Amino acid sequence: MPTDALERVTLIFTLFDRNGNGHLEAEDFEIMAADVVEAAPGSGAAAKDAMRAAFRQYWRTLVEVLDVDRDGEITFDEYTAVVLSPERFDPTIGVFAESLAALGDPDGDGLIERHVFHALMTAIGFEQANIEALFDAFGPSASDQITVSTWVAGIKDYYSPSKTGIPGDHLVSGAATA
C-alpha cells in the first residue's frame, strides 16, 4: 500500500476520534456530523439530514464489519483494514462524498464556493493551509468555485489505496507547503 494512502487514512482516523481516546465510537461520528451540519447554515434540512445519515452509515459500516468483540469501538488497525479495502468501503464513501458535496452546494447549481468548502473542511478538522491547497489543486474557476463532481471524485480518490499524487494528498500535514 502506498505511504500516501496510509497517511491520508491516519489523518482521517485522528479527525474522527473527536474525543481523542485513541479509538472510534458512535459518539465521534455524531459529534462530527453535528459540527459539519452546523458549518452549512445555507443548506436545507434534506441536505443536512442526508449528511447526518451518511456519517451514521459510515459508522455502521465500520462497526458491522470490524467490531468483532461488539464493544462499540474501532481501533486504528481495525479502521485501516476496512477503509483501505475498496470492495468493502466504496459504497459507503460514495454516499458520504455525495452528501458532503451536496451540503456544500446549497443552491443546487453544481458549484461549491471556496468559503463554503472551507467552512465544511474546517468543521471536519483539516488545517487551514491544507484546505486552501486542496481547493486550489481542484482547479477552481475564475469565480473561485469547484464543481460538485470534482469534489465527489476527490473524496473517493482520497480513500483509494492505489491512488498517489492526488489533490487529497494536500490535506496531509505539511503537504500544503511541500
N, C-alpha and C. Protein backbone atom coordinates (compact mmCIF):
# COMPACT_ATOMS: atom_id res chain seq x y z
N MET A 1 0.84 -1.18 0.00
CA MET A 1 0.00 0.00 0.00
C MET A 1 0.89 1.24 0.00
N PRO A 2 0.59 2.19 -0.86
CA PRO A 2 1.38 3.42 -0.89
C PRO A 2 1.33 4.17 0.44
N THR A 3 2.43 4.78 0.80
CA THR A 3 2.51 5.56 2.04
C THR A 3 1.48 6.68 2.02
N ASP A 4 1.24 7.28 0.84
CA ASP A 4 0.26 8.37 0.74
C ASP A 4 -1.10 7.95 1.29
N ALA A 5 -1.57 6.76 0.90
CA ALA A 5 -2.89 6.29 1.33
C ALA A 5 -2.92 6.09 2.84
N LEU A 6 -1.87 5.52 3.39
CA LEU A 6 -1.83 5.30 4.83
C LEU A 6 -1.81 6.63 5.59
N GLU A 7 -1.08 7.61 5.08
CA GLU A 7 -1.06 8.93 5.72
C GLU A 7 -2.44 9.58 5.67
N ARG A 8 -3.14 9.41 4.55
CA ARG A 8 -4.47 10.00 4.43
C ARG A 8 -5.44 9.39 5.43
N VAL A 9 -5.46 8.06 5.54
CA VAL A 9 -6.42 7.45 6.46
C VAL A 9 -6.01 7.64 7.92
N THR A 10 -4.72 7.76 8.17
CA THR A 10 -4.27 8.07 9.53
C THR A 10 -4.83 9.43 9.95
N LEU A 11 -4.76 10.40 9.06
CA LEU A 11 -5.30 11.72 9.36
C LEU A 11 -6.80 11.65 9.61
N ILE A 12 -7.52 10.94 8.77
CA ILE A 12 -8.97 10.84 8.92
C ILE A 12 -9.33 10.16 10.25
N PHE A 13 -8.61 9.10 10.59
CA PHE A 13 -8.87 8.43 11.87
C PHE A 13 -8.71 9.42 13.02
N THR A 14 -7.65 10.19 12.98
CA THR A 14 -7.38 11.17 14.03
C THR A 14 -8.49 12.22 14.09
N LEU A 15 -8.96 12.67 12.94
CA LEU A 15 -10.02 13.68 12.91
C LEU A 15 -11.35 13.10 13.42
N PHE A 16 -11.63 11.86 13.05
CA PHE A 16 -12.87 11.23 13.52
C PHE A 16 -12.85 10.97 15.03
N ASP A 17 -11.68 10.74 15.59
CA ASP A 17 -11.56 10.47 17.02
C ASP A 17 -11.73 11.78 17.78
N ARG A 18 -12.95 12.28 17.79
CA ARG A 18 -13.25 13.61 18.32
C ARG A 18 -12.88 13.78 19.79
N ASN A 19 -12.99 12.72 20.58
CA ASN A 19 -12.66 12.86 22.00
C ASN A 19 -11.22 12.46 22.30
N GLY A 20 -10.46 12.07 21.28
CA GLY A 20 -9.03 11.81 21.43
C GLY A 20 -8.67 10.60 22.28
N ASN A 21 -9.57 9.62 22.39
CA ASN A 21 -9.28 8.47 23.23
C ASN A 21 -8.57 7.32 22.50
N GLY A 22 -8.23 7.52 21.23
CA GLY A 22 -7.45 6.51 20.51
C GLY A 22 -8.27 5.47 19.79
N HIS A 23 -9.57 5.55 19.85
CA HIS A 23 -10.43 4.64 19.09
C HIS A 23 -11.71 5.38 18.69
N LEU A 24 -12.38 4.81 17.70
CA LEU A 24 -13.60 5.43 17.20
C LEU A 24 -14.80 4.76 17.83
N GLU A 25 -15.82 5.57 18.07
CA GLU A 25 -17.09 5.06 18.58
C GLU A 25 -18.21 5.90 17.99
N ALA A 26 -19.43 5.43 18.12
CA ALA A 26 -20.57 6.09 17.50
C ALA A 26 -20.63 7.58 17.85
N GLU A 27 -20.32 7.93 19.08
CA GLU A 27 -20.39 9.32 19.52
C GLU A 27 -19.47 10.22 18.70
N ASP A 28 -18.31 9.71 18.30
CA ASP A 28 -17.39 10.50 17.48
C ASP A 28 -18.04 10.93 16.17
N PHE A 29 -18.80 10.02 15.56
CA PHE A 29 -19.44 10.31 14.28
C PHE A 29 -20.62 11.25 14.46
N GLU A 30 -21.33 11.14 15.57
CA GLU A 30 -22.43 12.06 15.84
C GLU A 30 -21.89 13.48 16.07
N ILE A 31 -20.78 13.58 16.79
CA ILE A 31 -20.18 14.89 17.04
C ILE A 31 -19.72 15.52 15.74
N MET A 32 -19.01 14.73 14.90
CA MET A 32 -18.54 15.30 13.65
C MET A 32 -19.70 15.66 12.74
N ALA A 33 -20.72 14.83 12.69
CA ALA A 33 -21.89 15.15 11.86
C ALA A 33 -22.51 16.48 12.30
N ALA A 34 -22.64 16.66 13.60
CA ALA A 34 -23.20 17.92 14.11
C ALA A 34 -22.32 19.11 13.75
N ASP A 35 -21.01 18.95 13.87
CA ASP A 35 -20.08 20.03 13.52
C ASP A 35 -20.18 20.40 12.04
N VAL A 36 -20.24 19.39 11.18
CA VAL A 36 -20.28 19.64 9.74
C VAL A 36 -21.61 20.28 9.35
N VAL A 37 -22.70 19.77 9.87
CA VAL A 37 -24.02 20.33 9.55
C VAL A 37 -24.12 21.78 10.04
N GLU A 38 -23.58 22.05 11.20
CA GLU A 38 -23.60 23.42 11.73
C GLU A 38 -22.81 24.38 10.83
N ALA A 39 -21.79 23.86 10.15
CA ALA A 39 -20.96 24.70 9.28
C ALA A 39 -21.63 25.01 7.95
N ALA A 40 -22.83 24.49 7.75
CA ALA A 40 -23.55 24.70 6.49
C ALA A 40 -24.91 25.35 6.72
N PRO A 41 -24.92 26.57 7.26
CA PRO A 41 -26.20 27.20 7.59
C PRO A 41 -27.08 27.47 6.37
N GLY A 42 -26.49 27.57 5.19
CA GLY A 42 -27.27 27.85 3.99
C GLY A 42 -27.90 26.63 3.36
N SER A 43 -27.57 25.45 3.86
CA SER A 43 -28.11 24.21 3.29
C SER A 43 -29.47 23.89 3.90
N GLY A 44 -30.29 23.22 3.11
CA GLY A 44 -31.62 22.86 3.57
C GLY A 44 -31.62 21.65 4.49
N ALA A 45 -32.77 21.41 5.09
CA ALA A 45 -32.92 20.31 6.04
C ALA A 45 -32.63 18.96 5.39
N ALA A 46 -33.04 18.77 4.15
CA ALA A 46 -32.82 17.48 3.48
C ALA A 46 -31.33 17.20 3.32
N ALA A 47 -30.56 18.20 2.92
CA ALA A 47 -29.12 18.02 2.76
C ALA A 47 -28.46 17.75 4.11
N LYS A 48 -28.91 18.43 5.13
CA LYS A 48 -28.35 18.22 6.47
C LYS A 48 -28.69 16.82 6.99
N ASP A 49 -29.92 16.40 6.77
CA ASP A 49 -30.32 15.05 7.18
C ASP A 49 -29.53 13.99 6.42
N ALA A 50 -29.30 14.22 5.14
CA ALA A 50 -28.52 13.27 4.34
C ALA A 50 -27.09 13.18 4.85
N MET A 51 -26.53 14.31 5.28
CA MET A 51 -25.17 14.31 5.80
C MET A 51 -25.11 13.52 7.11
N ARG A 52 -26.07 13.77 7.99
CA ARG A 52 -26.11 13.01 9.24
C ARG A 52 -26.24 11.51 8.97
N ALA A 53 -27.10 11.17 8.02
CA ALA A 53 -27.30 9.76 7.66
C ALA A 53 -26.02 9.16 7.08
N ALA A 54 -25.28 9.93 6.31
CA ALA A 54 -24.03 9.44 5.73
C ALA A 54 -23.00 9.16 6.82
N PHE A 55 -22.91 10.03 7.81
CA PHE A 55 -21.99 9.77 8.92
C PHE A 55 -22.41 8.51 9.68
N ARG A 56 -23.71 8.35 9.86
CA ARG A 56 -24.19 7.15 10.57
C ARG A 56 -23.92 5.89 9.76
N GLN A 57 -24.09 5.97 8.44
CA GLN A 57 -23.79 4.82 7.59
C GLN A 57 -22.30 4.49 7.65
N TYR A 58 -21.46 5.51 7.63
CA TYR A 58 -20.01 5.33 7.74
C TYR A 58 -19.71 4.54 9.01
N TRP A 59 -20.29 4.98 10.13
CA TRP A 59 -20.07 4.29 11.41
C TRP A 59 -20.59 2.86 11.35
N ARG A 60 -21.82 2.67 10.87
CA ARG A 60 -22.41 1.33 10.81
C ARG A 60 -21.55 0.39 9.97
N THR A 61 -21.04 0.88 8.86
CA THR A 61 -20.18 0.04 8.02
C THR A 61 -18.96 -0.41 8.80
N LEU A 62 -18.35 0.50 9.51
CA LEU A 62 -17.18 0.14 10.31
C LEU A 62 -17.52 -0.87 11.40
N VAL A 63 -18.54 -0.58 12.17
CA VAL A 63 -18.84 -1.41 13.34
C VAL A 63 -19.39 -2.79 12.92
N GLU A 64 -20.16 -2.85 11.86
CA GLU A 64 -20.70 -4.13 11.41
C GLU A 64 -19.62 -5.06 10.90
N VAL A 65 -18.63 -4.51 10.24
CA VAL A 65 -17.57 -5.33 9.66
C VAL A 65 -16.44 -5.60 10.65
N LEU A 66 -16.14 -4.64 11.50
CA LEU A 66 -14.92 -4.72 12.29
C LEU A 66 -15.07 -5.02 13.77
N ASP A 67 -16.17 -4.66 14.35
CA ASP A 67 -16.28 -4.76 15.80
C ASP A 67 -16.63 -6.19 16.22
N VAL A 68 -15.66 -7.08 16.09
CA VAL A 68 -15.86 -8.50 16.36
C VAL A 68 -16.27 -8.74 17.80
N ASP A 69 -15.66 -8.03 18.74
CA ASP A 69 -15.98 -8.24 20.16
C ASP A 69 -17.21 -7.44 20.60
N ARG A 70 -17.80 -6.68 19.68
CA ARG A 70 -19.01 -5.90 19.93
C ARG A 70 -18.89 -4.95 21.12
N ASP A 71 -17.71 -4.33 21.24
CA ASP A 71 -17.51 -3.37 22.33
C ASP A 71 -17.84 -1.94 21.91
N GLY A 72 -18.25 -1.75 20.65
CA GLY A 72 -18.64 -0.43 20.19
C GLY A 72 -17.48 0.50 19.92
N GLU A 73 -16.28 -0.06 19.74
CA GLU A 73 -15.08 0.74 19.49
C GLU A 73 -14.30 0.15 18.31
N ILE A 74 -13.68 1.05 17.55
CA ILE A 74 -12.86 0.64 16.41
C ILE A 74 -11.46 1.20 16.63
N THR A 75 -10.47 0.33 16.60
CA THR A 75 -9.07 0.76 16.74
C THR A 75 -8.54 1.22 15.38
N PHE A 76 -7.37 1.83 15.39
CA PHE A 76 -6.76 2.28 14.14
C PHE A 76 -6.51 1.10 13.20
N ASP A 77 -5.99 0.01 13.71
CA ASP A 77 -5.72 -1.16 12.86
C ASP A 77 -7.00 -1.70 12.25
N GLU A 78 -8.06 -1.75 13.02
CA GLU A 78 -9.35 -2.21 12.50
C GLU A 78 -9.84 -1.25 11.42
N TYR A 79 -9.68 0.04 11.67
CA TYR A 79 -10.14 1.07 10.73
C TYR A 79 -9.47 0.92 9.37
N THR A 80 -8.14 0.80 9.38
CA THR A 80 -7.43 0.72 8.10
C THR A 80 -7.77 -0.56 7.36
N ALA A 81 -8.14 -1.62 8.07
CA ALA A 81 -8.48 -2.88 7.42
C ALA A 81 -9.70 -2.75 6.51
N VAL A 82 -10.65 -1.91 6.86
CA VAL A 82 -11.84 -1.77 6.03
C VAL A 82 -11.78 -0.55 5.13
N VAL A 83 -11.29 0.56 5.63
CA VAL A 83 -11.30 1.79 4.84
C VAL A 83 -10.41 1.68 3.60
N LEU A 84 -9.35 0.93 3.71
CA LEU A 84 -8.46 0.76 2.58
C LEU A 84 -8.78 -0.47 1.75
N SER A 85 -9.98 -0.99 1.89
CA SER A 85 -10.46 -2.11 1.08
C SER A 85 -11.63 -1.61 0.24
N PRO A 86 -11.34 -1.17 -0.97
CA PRO A 86 -12.39 -0.57 -1.80
C PRO A 86 -13.63 -1.44 -1.96
N GLU A 87 -13.45 -2.73 -2.07
CA GLU A 87 -14.59 -3.61 -2.27
C GLU A 87 -15.52 -3.61 -1.06
N ARG A 88 -15.02 -3.25 0.11
CA ARG A 88 -15.81 -3.24 1.32
C ARG A 88 -16.33 -1.85 1.68
N PHE A 89 -15.66 -0.80 1.20
CA PHE A 89 -15.97 0.54 1.70
C PHE A 89 -16.41 1.53 0.63
N ASP A 90 -16.21 1.22 -0.64
CA ASP A 90 -16.57 2.18 -1.70
C ASP A 90 -18.02 2.65 -1.66
N PRO A 91 -19.00 1.77 -1.45
CA PRO A 91 -20.38 2.27 -1.42
C PRO A 91 -20.61 3.30 -0.30
N THR A 92 -20.02 3.07 0.85
CA THR A 92 -20.17 3.99 1.97
C THR A 92 -19.51 5.32 1.67
N ILE A 93 -18.31 5.27 1.09
CA ILE A 93 -17.61 6.51 0.72
C ILE A 93 -18.39 7.26 -0.36
N GLY A 94 -19.00 6.54 -1.27
CA GLY A 94 -19.81 7.19 -2.30
C GLY A 94 -20.94 7.99 -1.70
N VAL A 95 -21.66 7.41 -0.76
CA VAL A 95 -22.77 8.10 -0.08
C VAL A 95 -22.24 9.31 0.69
N PHE A 96 -21.14 9.10 1.41
CA PHE A 96 -20.54 10.18 2.19
C PHE A 96 -20.12 11.34 1.27
N ALA A 97 -19.43 11.01 0.18
CA ALA A 97 -18.93 12.03 -0.75
C ALA A 97 -20.09 12.83 -1.36
N GLU A 98 -21.11 12.13 -1.81
CA GLU A 98 -22.26 12.81 -2.41
C GLU A 98 -22.96 13.72 -1.40
N SER A 99 -23.08 13.24 -0.17
CA SER A 99 -23.76 14.03 0.86
C SER A 99 -22.98 15.28 1.24
N LEU A 100 -21.67 15.12 1.40
CA LEU A 100 -20.84 16.27 1.77
C LEU A 100 -20.83 17.31 0.65
N ALA A 101 -20.69 16.85 -0.58
CA ALA A 101 -20.69 17.79 -1.70
C ALA A 101 -22.05 18.48 -1.85
N ALA A 102 -23.13 17.75 -1.64
CA ALA A 102 -24.47 18.36 -1.71
C ALA A 102 -24.64 19.41 -0.62
N LEU A 103 -24.09 19.14 0.55
CA LEU A 103 -24.15 20.12 1.64
C LEU A 103 -23.39 21.39 1.24
N GLY A 104 -22.34 21.22 0.46
CA GLY A 104 -21.53 22.34 0.00
C GLY A 104 -22.13 23.10 -1.17
N ASP A 105 -23.24 22.62 -1.68
CA ASP A 105 -23.91 23.25 -2.82
C ASP A 105 -25.35 23.58 -2.46
N PRO A 106 -25.54 24.50 -1.52
CA PRO A 106 -26.91 24.77 -1.03
C PRO A 106 -27.87 25.31 -2.08
N ASP A 107 -27.35 25.96 -3.12
CA ASP A 107 -28.26 26.49 -4.14
C ASP A 107 -28.48 25.51 -5.29
N GLY A 108 -27.80 24.36 -5.25
CA GLY A 108 -28.03 23.31 -6.23
C GLY A 108 -27.54 23.61 -7.63
N ASP A 109 -26.60 24.55 -7.78
CA ASP A 109 -26.13 24.90 -9.12
C ASP A 109 -24.96 24.03 -9.59
N GLY A 110 -24.56 23.06 -8.77
CA GLY A 110 -23.46 22.17 -9.15
C GLY A 110 -22.08 22.73 -8.86
N LEU A 111 -22.04 23.88 -8.17
CA LEU A 111 -20.78 24.54 -7.88
C LEU A 111 -20.63 24.78 -6.38
N ILE A 112 -19.40 24.67 -5.91
CA ILE A 112 -19.10 24.88 -4.50
C ILE A 112 -18.14 26.05 -4.39
N GLU A 113 -18.54 27.04 -3.63
CA GLU A 113 -17.72 28.23 -3.45
C GLU A 113 -16.64 27.97 -2.40
N ARG A 114 -15.52 28.65 -2.54
CA ARG A 114 -14.38 28.45 -1.64
C ARG A 114 -14.77 28.59 -0.17
N HIS A 115 -15.52 29.63 0.16
CA HIS A 115 -15.82 29.84 1.58
C HIS A 115 -16.69 28.73 2.17
N VAL A 116 -17.58 28.16 1.37
CA VAL A 116 -18.42 27.06 1.84
C VAL A 116 -17.56 25.80 2.00
N PHE A 117 -16.73 25.52 1.01
CA PHE A 117 -15.80 24.39 1.08
C PHE A 117 -14.92 24.51 2.32
N HIS A 118 -14.40 25.70 2.51
CA HIS A 118 -13.51 25.98 3.64
C HIS A 118 -14.24 25.73 4.97
N ALA A 119 -15.47 26.19 5.09
CA ALA A 119 -16.23 26.01 6.34
C ALA A 119 -16.46 24.53 6.63
N LEU A 120 -16.83 23.77 5.62
CA LEU A 120 -17.09 22.34 5.84
C LEU A 120 -15.82 21.59 6.18
N MET A 121 -14.74 21.88 5.48
CA MET A 121 -13.48 21.18 5.74
C MET A 121 -12.89 21.57 7.10
N THR A 122 -13.12 22.80 7.51
CA THR A 122 -12.69 23.24 8.84
C THR A 122 -13.49 22.50 9.91
N ALA A 123 -14.78 22.33 9.68
CA ALA A 123 -15.62 21.61 10.63
C ALA A 123 -15.17 20.16 10.79
N ILE A 124 -14.68 19.57 9.72
CA ILE A 124 -14.16 18.21 9.80
C ILE A 124 -12.88 18.20 10.63
N GLY A 125 -12.09 19.28 10.50
CA GLY A 125 -10.89 19.38 11.33
C GLY A 125 -9.59 19.55 10.58
N PHE A 126 -9.67 19.72 9.27
CA PHE A 126 -8.45 19.89 8.49
C PHE A 126 -7.80 21.24 8.76
N GLU A 127 -6.51 21.31 8.55
CA GLU A 127 -5.73 22.54 8.75
C GLU A 127 -6.04 23.54 7.64
N GLN A 128 -6.04 24.82 7.99
CA GLN A 128 -6.40 25.89 7.06
C GLN A 128 -5.55 25.90 5.78
N ALA A 129 -4.24 25.83 5.94
CA ALA A 129 -3.35 25.88 4.77
C ALA A 129 -3.59 24.68 3.86
N ASN A 130 -3.87 23.53 4.45
CA ASN A 130 -4.11 22.32 3.67
C ASN A 130 -5.44 22.41 2.91
N ILE A 131 -6.43 23.01 3.54
CA ILE A 131 -7.72 23.20 2.89
C ILE A 131 -7.56 24.09 1.66
N GLU A 132 -6.85 25.18 1.84
CA GLU A 132 -6.62 26.10 0.71
C GLU A 132 -5.85 25.41 -0.42
N ALA A 133 -4.83 24.64 -0.05
CA ALA A 133 -4.04 23.94 -1.06
C ALA A 133 -4.89 22.92 -1.82
N LEU A 134 -5.78 22.24 -1.11
CA LEU A 134 -6.66 21.28 -1.76
C LEU A 134 -7.62 21.98 -2.72
N PHE A 135 -8.25 23.04 -2.26
CA PHE A 135 -9.20 23.75 -3.12
C PHE A 135 -8.48 24.22 -4.39
N ASP A 136 -7.30 24.77 -4.24
CA ASP A 136 -6.53 25.23 -5.40
C ASP A 136 -6.15 24.06 -6.32
N ALA A 137 -5.84 22.90 -5.73
CA ALA A 137 -5.48 21.72 -6.53
C ALA A 137 -6.67 21.22 -7.35
N PHE A 138 -7.87 21.50 -6.89
CA PHE A 138 -9.07 21.12 -7.64
C PHE A 138 -9.31 22.03 -8.85
N GLY A 139 -8.52 23.07 -9.01
CA GLY A 139 -8.62 23.94 -10.18
C GLY A 139 -9.88 24.77 -10.20
N PRO A 140 -10.05 25.66 -9.23
CA PRO A 140 -11.27 26.47 -9.19
C PRO A 140 -11.41 27.37 -10.42
N SER A 141 -12.65 27.71 -10.69
CA SER A 141 -12.97 28.59 -11.81
C SER A 141 -12.53 30.03 -11.48
N ALA A 142 -12.68 30.89 -12.45
CA ALA A 142 -12.35 32.31 -12.25
C ALA A 142 -13.22 32.93 -11.16
N SER A 143 -14.41 32.35 -10.94
CA SER A 143 -15.30 32.85 -9.89
C SER A 143 -15.05 32.13 -8.55
N ASP A 144 -13.92 31.42 -8.45
CA ASP A 144 -13.46 30.75 -7.23
C ASP A 144 -14.44 29.68 -6.75
N GLN A 145 -14.83 28.81 -7.69
CA GLN A 145 -15.73 27.70 -7.39
C GLN A 145 -15.16 26.42 -7.99
N ILE A 146 -15.54 25.29 -7.38
CA ILE A 146 -15.23 23.98 -7.97
C ILE A 146 -16.56 23.27 -8.20
N THR A 147 -16.55 22.27 -9.05
CA THR A 147 -17.79 21.54 -9.31
C THR A 147 -18.02 20.49 -8.23
N VAL A 148 -19.27 20.18 -8.03
CA VAL A 148 -19.65 19.12 -7.09
C VAL A 148 -18.97 17.82 -7.50
N SER A 149 -18.99 17.52 -8.80
CA SER A 149 -18.40 16.26 -9.27
C SER A 149 -16.90 16.19 -9.01
N THR A 150 -16.22 17.32 -9.06
CA THR A 150 -14.79 17.35 -8.76
C THR A 150 -14.55 16.99 -7.31
N TRP A 151 -15.36 17.55 -6.42
CA TRP A 151 -15.18 17.26 -5.00
C TRP A 151 -15.54 15.81 -4.68
N VAL A 152 -16.63 15.31 -5.27
CA VAL A 152 -17.02 13.92 -5.05
C VAL A 152 -15.89 12.99 -5.49
N ALA A 153 -15.35 13.22 -6.67
CA ALA A 153 -14.26 12.38 -7.18
C ALA A 153 -13.03 12.50 -6.27
N GLY A 154 -12.77 13.70 -5.78
CA GLY A 154 -11.62 13.91 -4.89
C GLY A 154 -11.76 13.15 -3.58
N ILE A 155 -12.97 13.12 -3.03
CA ILE A 155 -13.20 12.38 -1.79
C ILE A 155 -13.02 10.89 -2.03
N LYS A 156 -13.57 10.39 -3.12
CA LYS A 156 -13.42 8.96 -3.44
C LYS A 156 -11.94 8.61 -3.65
N ASP A 157 -11.22 9.46 -4.35
CA ASP A 157 -9.78 9.21 -4.56
C ASP A 157 -9.02 9.18 -3.25
N TYR A 158 -9.42 10.03 -2.31
CA TYR A 158 -8.75 10.13 -1.02
C TYR A 158 -8.74 8.78 -0.31
N TYR A 159 -9.80 8.03 -0.46
CA TYR A 159 -9.93 6.73 0.21
C TYR A 159 -9.42 5.56 -0.64
N SER A 160 -8.90 5.83 -1.80
CA SER A 160 -8.41 4.76 -2.66
C SER A 160 -6.95 4.45 -2.35
N PRO A 161 -6.68 3.21 -1.91
CA PRO A 161 -5.31 2.87 -1.52
C PRO A 161 -4.32 2.87 -2.68
N SER A 162 -4.81 2.76 -3.89
CA SER A 162 -3.90 2.72 -5.04
C SER A 162 -3.57 4.10 -5.60
N LYS A 163 -4.28 5.12 -5.14
CA LYS A 163 -4.06 6.47 -5.66
C LYS A 163 -2.91 7.16 -4.94
N THR A 164 -2.09 7.81 -5.71
CA THR A 164 -0.97 8.58 -5.16
C THR A 164 -0.82 9.85 -5.98
N GLY A 165 -0.32 10.90 -5.37
CA GLY A 165 -0.17 12.16 -6.08
C GLY A 165 -1.51 12.80 -6.42
N ILE A 166 -2.50 12.62 -5.58
CA ILE A 166 -3.84 13.15 -5.82
C ILE A 166 -4.02 14.48 -5.08
N PRO A 167 -5.01 15.28 -5.47
CA PRO A 167 -5.25 16.53 -4.75
C PRO A 167 -5.43 16.33 -3.25
N GLY A 168 -6.09 15.26 -2.84
CA GLY A 168 -6.34 15.00 -1.42
C GLY A 168 -5.07 14.86 -0.59
N ASP A 169 -3.95 14.59 -1.24
CA ASP A 169 -2.69 14.49 -0.51
C ASP A 169 -2.32 15.83 0.13
N HIS A 170 -2.92 16.91 -0.38
CA HIS A 170 -2.65 18.24 0.20
C HIS A 170 -3.21 18.37 1.61
N LEU A 171 -4.11 17.47 2.00
CA LEU A 171 -4.68 17.54 3.34
C LEU A 171 -3.77 16.99 4.42
N VAL A 172 -2.81 16.19 4.02
CA VAL A 172 -1.89 15.59 4.97
C VAL A 172 -0.93 16.67 5.46
N SER A 173 -0.72 16.71 6.76
CA SER A 173 0.11 17.74 7.38
C SER A 173 1.41 17.95 6.63
N GLY A 174 1.71 19.19 6.35
CA GLY A 174 2.96 19.57 5.67
C GLY A 174 2.87 19.51 4.16
N ALA A 175 1.85 18.82 3.63
CA ALA A 175 1.76 18.69 2.18
C ALA A 175 1.45 20.00 1.50
N ALA A 176 0.79 20.90 2.19
CA ALA A 176 0.41 22.18 1.58
C ALA A 176 1.63 23.03 1.27
N THR A 177 2.71 22.82 1.97
CA THR A 177 3.91 23.62 1.72
C THR A 177 4.98 22.83 1.00
N ALA A 178 4.72 21.56 0.77
CA ALA A 178 5.74 20.72 0.11
C ALA A 178 5.80 20.96 -1.37
